Structure formats: C-alpha cells, structure tokens
Amino acid sequence: MSLATTTEQEELRATVRRFLGDRMPLPHVRELMATPSAHDPAVWTALTGLGVQGLGIPEKYDGAGFGCQELAHVFEECGRALLPAPLLATVGLAVPLLLASGDDDALARYLPGIASGQTVATVAWLAPGAGWDSSGTSLSVTDSAAGRRLSGSASLVLDGSVADLVLVVAGTGPTATVVAVEDSFTRTPLPTLDQTRPLARLDFDDTPCIPVGAVGDGGRLLSAALDVANLLLAAEMVGGAQACLDMAVGYAKVREQFGGPIGRFQAVKHKCAEMLVEIEGARAAAGYAAWAAAENPAELPVVATLAKASAAEAYFRAAGDNVQLHGGIGFTWEHDAHLYFKRAKASLMLFGDVGAYRRQLADRIGL
C-alpha cells in the first residue's frame, strides 16, 4: 500500500467534510457543548451511512475491511470540524483493543454492533487520581458461582457517560485482564477543559463482566490500542491545526490596519508560514504512522508515539497563534478560535503530554 493518497481516499475525505459541514457546523457544536454528554445520537447514526464506525472492522464482522490510512483521513476531517462524538473512544480505542485480542467470541459479539452504530464503546483503565503515565489500577476481577465480577473505579474514561460497552483493563502485570461490561455500573461526568470531548468516572460494584482475550494479556492489548489511538489522534490534531491556519489566513486577508490587510506585514506572514511548516511535518508523521499500522506493524509503537508528539505541538502552536492573530476578538467566547485552543490543549495532554511521549519514544528506540 502506497503512502500517497489515493483517489478513493480523497473521495472519502470530501464526503466526510461535506457531511460534517451539513450536520455538524460550529453553532451545533456549541449547542452540544452545553449538554452533559456532548453527543448527538442522530449524527452518530447518520455516520453509519458513510460507514465510518465500521471502516476499520473486518468484513466478516459487518465492517468495510479498511485500515488506518482510511481512518486517518476521516479523523483529520473530524478534527477540522471539532466533531463532538465518541469516535476516538469507539473506533480509536475499543475496536483496536478487540482486534488485538484475537478473541473470536468477543469479536463476533461486539464488532457488528459497533459497525452498525448501535454500540458506543470505550476503554477504561486509569484509577481515580492517577495520571496518564500511571500503570496502577483500582479495578479487580473475582470469580463467583454466578460468574466473573468486576469491582473498583476508573477515571478519565473517554465518553464513559454514553458508552454501551466498556472494555476494562483490570489488574496489573501478569494478572492484567480485559473484561467487557455492558451495564450495572455508575457513571459520573467529569469537568473538562475541552467540552467537546467529555470524560467520566465509572464505578463498578460486583458488576457482571465477560473476559476478553487471555488472562495476563491486558497490558499488551492496552498498549496496542493506544498505539492506534495515538496515530488517529495525531491525524485529528492535524485537521484541527489546519482549520486554525485556514482561519488565521482568512482573517489576515480581510482585517485591515494602517491602510491595508494585516496579511501584508512580514511578522504575520512569518507566523503563518511557521504554522504551515509545523503542520505539514505533523501531517507527514501521522500519515507514515497510518501506513505503518498496515504495512509494518512492528514499527508502529515508535512512529505512533512520534506522530502524537509532533501533532500535539503543531496543533497547540497553531491554535495559540490563531488566537493572537485575531487580536482582541480571538480571546472572546463568541469567537470560535477558543474552541480549537481548548481542543488543542486537551488533545496535547490526552494519554500523556509531549514530554511523556518523548521519554516513551526514547525508551522504545533504546536511548
């Protein structure tokens, strides 16, 4: 498979962009931000008409059978539109974890529902109060006469408030196990900087659960899922950064000062040019990571880490520069620039900040 974008991928990107332009304009994003779930079930269902949820799911489980390269194009457009939907949680985390498990029963049980849009899924593993780099968990699985039961709490769960299926990583080291939970637990929404990407705390108390994969395989499955999530998050951040650059350039062309548009000033030109260079570098890194996921999986842990760190820096700079180039209006609630700035900062911190990913990259390449 080539690194070059195919005609079919361009058509997919254009289709998703048109759909989001029609169904998820920024005024509607603002409306959803005011709700606890920041989720529009009608739009989520409509996305199945484009095959988005099933794009990376094998055909035998009612998916389209494509890979991360196609998904990366979709995520880039979703990042450009600030789509508030459980796409990263479901397609970026839960589906890769299930596929990595190789558990035929679990795949047949859960993937068709995800592909059809009927199931919103997520992954939970962090103990309350723990940071993204923590390996600790307060979750435990016990066996009883009535079957397996899950107890404990998980925090910072992406779209945990609306998930129909939660894949929980319980235990650590040789006891780390993934179990699936569909009901009988408590959800508590958490305050977030980015209101378009809700987080929740989930509490389990002797909750029925179904094992996914082998006992002791939880750490490997979570790591595999995070590698895919990072490359898709990187693509999403590239889309958001590009939206910021387009917004800044558009404003520089029409905002006049001292008898002409501010885009004629060298300082403004340089700032926009530097944004473009960083975005294109991040786009190349994300694109290569998406290619590696399909063609060279052994390389994915390294390049996905690099892609996430590169895109996080590019997006945060582009969002900040966009606010500054807009001047006073860019700092107001009424302007959309702050929506991208909050998404950029929250995405930078998601799963670990840039420093954490650089340390992780050094470890993975043996430095």
Protein backbone atom coordinates (compact mmCIF):
# COMPACT_ATOMS: atom_id res chain seq x y z
CA MET A 1 0.00 0.00 0.00
CA SER A 2 1.37 3.40 -1.01
CA LEU A 3 2.00 6.39 1.21
CA ALA A 4 0.36 8.55 -1.46
CA THR A 5 -3.29 9.48 -1.04
CA THR A 6 -5.49 7.52 -3.44
CA THR A 7 -8.47 8.83 -5.37
CA GLU A 8 -10.79 6.75 -3.19
CA GLN A 9 -9.29 8.23 -0.03
CA GLU A 10 -9.72 11.75 -1.38
CA GLU A 11 -13.36 10.98 -2.16
CA LEU A 12 -13.83 9.61 1.36
CA ARG A 13 -12.31 12.76 2.84
CA ALA A 14 -14.51 15.01 0.69
CA THR A 15 -17.63 13.04 1.60
CA VAL A 16 -16.90 13.29 5.32
CA ARG A 17 -16.16 17.01 5.02
CA ARG A 18 -19.45 17.67 3.26
CA PHE A 19 -21.34 15.60 5.83
CA LEU A 20 -19.80 17.42 8.78
CA GLY A 21 -20.35 20.78 7.13
CA ASP A 22 -24.05 19.99 6.80
CA ARG A 23 -24.68 18.12 10.06
CA MET A 24 -22.07 19.49 12.47
CA PRO A 25 -21.44 23.21 11.88
CA LEU A 26 -19.75 25.01 14.75
CA PRO A 27 -23.02 26.52 16.06
CA HIS A 28 -24.31 22.98 16.58
CA VAL A 29 -21.01 22.03 18.24
CA ARG A 30 -21.61 24.85 20.71
CA GLU A 31 -25.12 23.56 21.40
CA LEU A 32 -23.79 20.08 22.17
CA MET A 33 -21.09 21.52 24.44
CA ALA A 34 -23.86 22.71 26.73
CA THR A 35 -25.14 19.15 27.24
CA PRO A 36 -23.59 16.64 29.71
CA SER A 37 -22.76 14.09 27.00
CA ALA A 38 -21.76 16.43 24.13
CA HIS A 39 -23.20 13.78 21.86
CA ASP A 40 -25.81 13.87 19.09
CA PRO A 41 -27.16 10.32 18.59
CA ALA A 42 -28.77 11.34 15.29
CA VAL A 43 -25.42 12.41 13.84
CA TRP A 44 -23.75 9.27 15.21
CA THR A 45 -26.38 7.15 13.47
CA ALA A 46 -26.01 9.14 10.27
CA LEU A 47 -22.26 8.48 10.29
CA THR A 48 -23.03 4.79 9.82
CA GLY A 49 -24.47 5.72 6.45
CA LEU A 50 -20.93 6.72 5.48
CA GLY A 51 -19.57 3.51 7.03
CA VAL A 52 -17.34 5.43 9.43
CA GLN A 53 -17.75 3.25 12.54
CA GLY A 54 -17.14 0.06 10.55
CA LEU A 55 -14.35 1.38 8.35
CA GLY A 56 -11.58 -0.46 10.20
CA ILE A 57 -13.63 -3.54 11.11
CA PRO A 58 -13.14 -6.76 9.05
CA GLU A 59 -15.90 -7.62 6.59
CA LYS A 60 -16.69 -10.87 8.42
CA TYR A 61 -17.93 -8.71 11.32
CA ASP A 62 -20.03 -6.45 9.06
CA GLY A 63 -17.31 -3.84 8.61
CA ALA A 64 -15.71 -2.38 5.49
CA GLY A 65 -12.34 -4.06 6.00
CA PHE A 66 -10.19 -0.97 5.51
CA GLY A 67 -7.28 0.16 7.66
CA CYS A 68 -5.74 3.08 9.49
CA GLN A 69 -4.90 5.05 6.36
CA GLU A 70 -8.58 5.48 5.53
CA LEU A 71 -9.42 6.12 9.18
CA ALA A 72 -6.73 8.79 9.39
CA HIS A 73 -8.41 10.77 6.60
CA VAL A 74 -11.73 10.54 8.43
CA PHE A 75 -10.20 11.63 11.73
CA GLU A 76 -8.44 14.57 10.12
CA GLU A 77 -11.77 15.87 8.82
CA CYS A 78 -13.42 15.26 12.19
CA GLY A 79 -10.65 17.26 13.87
CA ARG A 80 -11.14 20.10 11.41
CA ALA A 81 -14.85 20.21 12.33
CA LEU A 82 -14.33 19.69 16.09
CA LEU A 83 -16.76 16.77 15.91
CA PRO A 84 -18.08 16.06 19.43
CA ALA A 85 -18.75 12.33 19.13
CA PRO A 86 -17.39 9.13 20.72
CA LEU A 87 -15.35 8.34 17.61
CA LEU A 88 -11.91 8.20 19.24
CA ALA A 89 -13.21 6.13 22.15
CA THR A 90 -15.06 3.65 19.93
CA VAL A 91 -13.06 3.44 16.71
CA GLY A 92 -9.68 4.56 18.04
CA LEU A 93 -9.53 2.62 21.32
CA ALA A 94 -12.18 -0.08 21.69
CA VAL A 95 -12.02 -1.55 18.17
CA PRO A 96 -8.18 -1.83 18.09
CA LEU A 97 -8.22 -3.47 21.53
CA LEU A 98 -10.81 -6.02 20.43
CA LEU A 99 -8.93 -6.78 17.21
CA ALA A 100 -5.64 -7.17 19.09
CA SER A 101 -7.26 -9.68 21.47
CA GLY A 102 -7.93 -12.20 18.72
CA ASP A 103 -10.87 -13.40 20.81
CA ASP A 104 -13.29 -14.75 18.21
CA ASP A 105 -16.22 -14.83 20.61
CA ALA A 106 -15.69 -11.22 21.67
CA LEU A 107 -15.17 -10.05 18.09
CA ALA A 108 -18.37 -11.72 16.91
CA ARG A 109 -20.29 -10.44 19.93
CA TYR A 110 -19.28 -6.76 19.84
CA LEU A 111 -17.89 -5.68 16.45
CA PRO A 112 -21.11 -5.95 14.39
CA GLY A 113 -22.90 -3.65 16.85
CA ILE A 114 -20.09 -1.13 16.65
CA ALA A 115 -20.04 -1.26 12.84
CA SER A 116 -23.79 -0.63 12.70
CA GLY A 117 -23.56 2.35 15.04
CA GLN A 118 -25.76 0.68 17.65
CA THR A 119 -22.89 0.28 20.13
CA VAL A 120 -20.79 3.09 21.53
CA ALA A 121 -17.68 1.60 23.13
CA THR A 122 -14.77 2.84 25.21
CA VAL A 123 -11.80 1.60 27.24
CA ALA A 124 -11.25 2.18 30.97
CA TRP A 125 -8.07 1.57 32.93
CA LEU A 126 -6.92 4.57 35.00
CA ALA A 127 -7.51 4.68 38.75
CA PRO A 128 -9.07 7.90 40.10
CA GLY A 129 -6.34 10.47 40.72
CA ALA A 130 -3.79 8.66 38.55
CA GLY A 131 -2.00 10.33 35.64
CA TRP A 132 -1.91 9.03 32.10
CA ASP A 133 1.56 7.57 32.69
CA SER A 134 0.36 5.51 35.65
CA SER A 135 0.18 1.73 35.42
CA GLY A 136 -1.81 1.46 38.63
CA THR A 137 -5.45 0.44 38.77
CA SER A 138 -8.10 0.09 41.43
CA LEU A 139 -10.05 -2.46 39.39
CA SER A 140 -10.17 -6.14 40.22
CA VAL A 141 -11.93 -9.20 38.83
CA THR A 142 -13.16 -12.07 41.00
CA ASP A 143 -14.81 -15.39 40.19
CA SER A 144 -18.05 -16.39 41.85
CA ALA A 145 -20.74 -19.01 41.43
CA ALA A 146 -22.68 -16.50 39.33
CA GLY A 147 -19.70 -15.77 37.06
CA ARG A 148 -17.00 -13.13 36.92
CA ARG A 149 -17.47 -9.86 38.76
CA LEU A 150 -15.69 -6.51 38.45
CA SER A 151 -15.15 -4.06 41.31
CA GLY A 152 -13.37 -0.73 41.59
CA SER A 153 -13.32 2.62 39.83
CA ALA A 154 -11.86 4.04 36.64
CA SER A 155 -11.43 7.71 35.81
CA LEU A 156 -10.75 9.84 32.73
CA VAL A 157 -12.82 7.45 30.63
CA LEU A 158 -13.44 8.88 27.16
CA ASP A 159 -17.19 9.19 26.52
CA GLY A 160 -17.88 6.99 29.51
CA SER A 161 -21.21 8.72 30.05
CA VAL A 162 -22.68 7.42 26.78
CA ALA A 163 -20.81 4.13 26.27
CA ASP A 164 -22.90 1.00 25.81
CA LEU A 165 -19.81 -1.21 26.07
CA VAL A 166 -16.83 -0.63 28.35
CA LEU A 167 -13.66 -2.67 27.93
CA VAL A 168 -11.96 -2.55 31.31
CA VAL A 169 -8.30 -3.36 31.96
CA ALA A 170 -8.25 -4.77 35.49
CA GLY A 171 -5.18 -5.79 37.47
CA THR A 172 -1.52 -5.24 36.59
CA GLY A 173 1.39 -7.24 35.26
CA PRO A 174 0.74 -10.99 34.93
CA THR A 175 -2.81 -10.58 36.27
CA ALA A 176 -3.86 -7.76 33.93
CA THR A 177 -7.04 -8.82 32.17
CA VAL A 178 -9.53 -7.16 29.87
CA VAL A 179 -13.20 -7.65 30.64
CA ALA A 180 -16.28 -6.34 28.89
CA VAL A 181 -19.07 -4.61 30.81
CA GLU A 182 -22.40 -3.57 29.33
CA ASP A 183 -24.49 -2.47 32.31
CA SER A 184 -24.82 -2.32 36.12
CA PHE A 185 -22.27 0.41 36.80
CA THR A 186 -22.35 4.07 37.80
CA ARG A 187 -21.29 6.94 35.52
CA THR A 188 -20.20 10.36 36.78
CA PRO A 189 -19.33 13.09 34.23
CA LEU A 190 -16.09 14.94 34.98
CA PRO A 191 -15.36 18.64 34.36
CA THR A 192 -13.14 19.12 31.31
CA LEU A 193 -11.24 21.93 29.63
CA ASP A 194 -12.47 20.76 26.22
CA GLN A 195 -16.24 20.47 26.39
CA THR A 196 -16.35 18.72 23.02
CA ARG A 197 -14.59 15.64 24.44
CA PRO A 198 -16.30 14.51 27.66
CA LEU A 199 -14.66 12.33 30.30
CA ALA A 200 -16.30 10.31 33.04
CA ARG A 201 -15.62 8.31 36.17
CA LEU A 202 -17.05 4.79 36.18
CA ASP A 203 -17.69 2.87 39.40
CA PHE A 204 -18.16 -0.89 39.43
CA ASP A 205 -19.53 -2.83 42.40
CA ASP A 206 -19.64 -6.58 41.86
CA THR A 207 -20.57 -5.86 38.24
CA PRO A 208 -21.05 -8.82 35.86
CA CYS A 209 -18.32 -8.93 33.22
CA ILE A 210 -17.14 -11.09 30.34
CA PRO A 211 -13.43 -11.80 29.75
CA VAL A 212 -11.84 -10.60 26.51
CA GLY A 213 -8.62 -12.31 25.46
CA ALA A 214 -6.33 -14.23 27.78
CA VAL A 215 -5.59 -13.60 31.45
CA GLY A 216 -2.40 -11.57 31.78
CA ASP A 217 -2.75 -10.07 28.29
CA GLY A 218 -4.33 -6.82 29.43
CA GLY A 219 -1.15 -4.75 29.27
CA ARG A 220 -0.35 -5.82 25.73
CA LEU A 221 -3.88 -5.19 24.49
CA LEU A 222 -4.00 -1.72 26.05
CA SER A 223 -0.62 -0.83 24.56
CA ALA A 224 -1.73 -1.98 21.10
CA ALA A 225 -4.95 0.02 21.36
CA LEU A 226 -3.12 3.16 22.48
CA ASP A 227 -0.71 2.95 19.54
CA VAL A 228 -3.64 3.08 17.12
CA ALA A 229 -5.43 5.71 19.17
CA ASN A 230 -2.32 7.91 19.14
CA LEU A 231 -1.93 7.84 15.37
CA LEU A 232 -5.63 8.59 14.85
CA LEU A 233 -5.50 11.35 17.46
CA ALA A 234 -2.47 12.74 15.61
CA ALA A 235 -4.47 12.82 12.37
CA GLU A 236 -7.35 14.52 14.19
CA MET A 237 -4.98 17.15 15.59
CA VAL A 238 -3.56 17.81 12.13
CA GLY A 239 -7.10 18.54 10.94
CA GLY A 240 -7.69 20.93 13.83
CA ALA A 241 -4.37 22.66 13.23
CA GLN A 242 -5.17 23.08 9.55
CA ALA A 243 -8.51 24.66 10.48
CA CYS A 244 -6.66 27.12 12.72
CA LEU A 245 -4.24 28.03 9.93
CA ASP A 246 -7.08 28.50 7.45
CA MET A 247 -8.93 30.67 9.96
CA ALA A 248 -5.84 32.80 10.61
CA VAL A 249 -5.00 33.26 6.94
CA GLY A 250 -8.60 34.13 6.10
CA TYR A 251 -8.68 36.78 8.83
CA ALA A 252 -5.30 38.21 7.80
CA LYS A 253 -6.68 38.81 4.31
CA VAL A 254 -9.67 40.86 5.44
CA ARG A 255 -8.58 42.58 8.68
CA GLU A 256 -7.22 45.98 7.76
CA GLN A 257 -4.78 48.11 9.71
CA PHE A 258 -2.74 51.15 8.63
CA GLY A 259 -4.45 51.24 5.26
CA GLY A 260 -4.25 47.60 4.24
CA PRO A 261 -4.80 43.96 5.25
CA ILE A 262 -2.63 42.74 8.13
CA GLY A 263 -1.53 39.81 5.96
CA ARG A 264 0.89 42.13 4.19
CA PHE A 265 3.00 42.55 7.33
CA GLN A 266 6.10 40.40 7.46
CA ALA A 267 5.53 39.30 11.06
CA VAL A 268 2.09 37.96 10.19
CA LYS A 269 3.41 36.22 7.06
CA HIS A 270 6.20 34.55 9.03
CA LYS A 271 3.84 33.36 11.74
CA CYS A 272 1.50 31.75 9.20
CA ALA A 273 4.44 30.23 7.31
CA GLU A 274 5.83 28.70 10.50
CA MET A 275 2.43 27.26 11.33
CA LEU A 276 2.26 25.68 7.87
CA VAL A 277 5.71 24.09 8.17
CA GLU A 278 4.88 22.51 11.54
CA ILE A 279 1.50 21.26 10.33
CA GLU A 280 2.96 19.65 7.23
CA GLY A 281 5.59 17.91 9.35
CA ALA A 282 2.89 16.60 11.67
CA ARG A 283 0.78 15.50 8.71
CA ALA A 284 3.71 13.53 7.29
CA ALA A 285 4.34 11.84 10.65
CA ALA A 286 0.68 10.92 11.08
CA GLY A 287 0.46 9.64 7.52
CA TYR A 288 3.52 7.47 7.94
CA ALA A 289 2.18 6.05 11.21
CA ALA A 290 -1.09 5.16 9.49
CA TRP A 291 0.86 3.43 6.72
CA ALA A 292 3.00 1.54 9.25
CA ALA A 293 -0.11 0.24 11.05
CA ALA A 294 -0.97 -1.74 7.93
CA GLU A 295 2.38 -2.40 6.28
CA ASN A 296 4.91 -2.55 9.11
CA PRO A 297 3.15 -3.10 12.47
CA ALA A 298 6.43 -3.69 14.30
CA GLU A 299 7.34 -0.05 13.64
CA LEU A 300 4.01 1.35 14.85
CA PRO A 301 4.87 1.77 18.58
CA VAL A 302 7.72 4.12 17.64
CA VAL A 303 6.11 6.11 14.83
CA ALA A 304 2.73 6.46 16.58
CA THR A 305 4.50 7.98 19.57
CA LEU A 306 6.39 10.38 17.30
CA ALA A 307 3.23 11.30 15.39
CA LYS A 308 1.29 12.13 18.55
CA ALA A 309 4.05 14.34 19.98
CA SER A 310 4.61 16.14 16.66
CA ALA A 311 0.92 16.79 16.03
CA ALA A 312 0.31 17.92 19.60
CA GLU A 313 2.99 20.61 19.34
CA ALA A 314 1.85 21.74 15.89
CA TYR A 315 -1.81 21.98 16.92
CA PHE A 316 -1.17 23.83 20.16
CA ARG A 317 1.05 26.37 18.40
CA ALA A 318 -1.42 26.84 15.54
CA ALA A 319 -4.34 27.29 17.95
CA GLY A 320 -2.42 29.81 20.05
CA ASP A 321 -1.16 31.76 17.05
CA ASN A 322 -4.65 31.81 15.59
CA VAL A 323 -5.98 33.45 18.76
CA GLN A 324 -3.18 36.03 18.71
CA LEU A 325 -3.59 36.87 15.02
CA HIS A 326 -7.25 37.61 15.63
CA GLY A 327 -6.35 40.13 18.31
CA GLY A 328 -8.92 41.01 20.96
CA ILE A 329 -11.83 39.23 19.28
CA GLY A 330 -9.86 35.97 19.29
CA PHE A 331 -9.92 35.89 23.10
CA THR A 332 -13.69 36.15 23.39
CA TRP A 333 -16.22 33.39 23.99
CA GLU A 334 -18.16 34.48 20.91
CA HIS A 335 -15.28 33.67 18.53
CA ASP A 336 -14.60 30.06 17.55
CA ALA A 337 -10.82 30.33 17.99
CA HIS A 338 -11.01 29.39 21.66
CA LEU A 339 -12.82 26.13 20.84
CA TYR A 340 -9.80 24.95 18.86
CA PHE A 341 -7.40 26.22 21.51
CA LYS A 342 -9.14 24.16 24.21
CA ARG A 343 -9.26 21.08 21.99
CA ALA A 344 -5.57 21.53 21.18
CA LYS A 345 -4.53 21.72 24.82
CA ALA A 346 -6.75 18.84 25.89
CA SER A 347 -5.50 16.68 23.00
CA LEU A 348 -1.90 17.52 23.86
CA MET A 349 -2.46 16.17 27.38
CA LEU A 350 -4.60 13.18 26.35
CA PHE A 351 -2.81 9.87 27.06
CA GLY A 352 0.24 11.89 28.19
CA ASP A 353 1.88 15.22 27.32
CA VAL A 354 4.65 15.83 24.80
CA GLY A 355 7.40 15.32 27.38
CA ALA A 356 5.97 11.94 28.35
CA TYR A 357 5.81 10.87 24.73
CA ARG A 358 9.36 11.95 24.06
CA ARG A 359 10.52 9.87 27.02
CA GLN A 360 8.43 6.97 25.75
CA LEU A 361 9.95 7.36 22.28
CA ALA A 362 13.46 7.32 23.75
CA ASP A 363 12.65 4.14 25.64
CA ARG A 364 11.21 2.44 22.58
CA ILE A 365 14.23 3.16 20.40
CA GLY A 366 16.63 2.16 23.16
CA LEU A 367 18.12 5.54 24.16
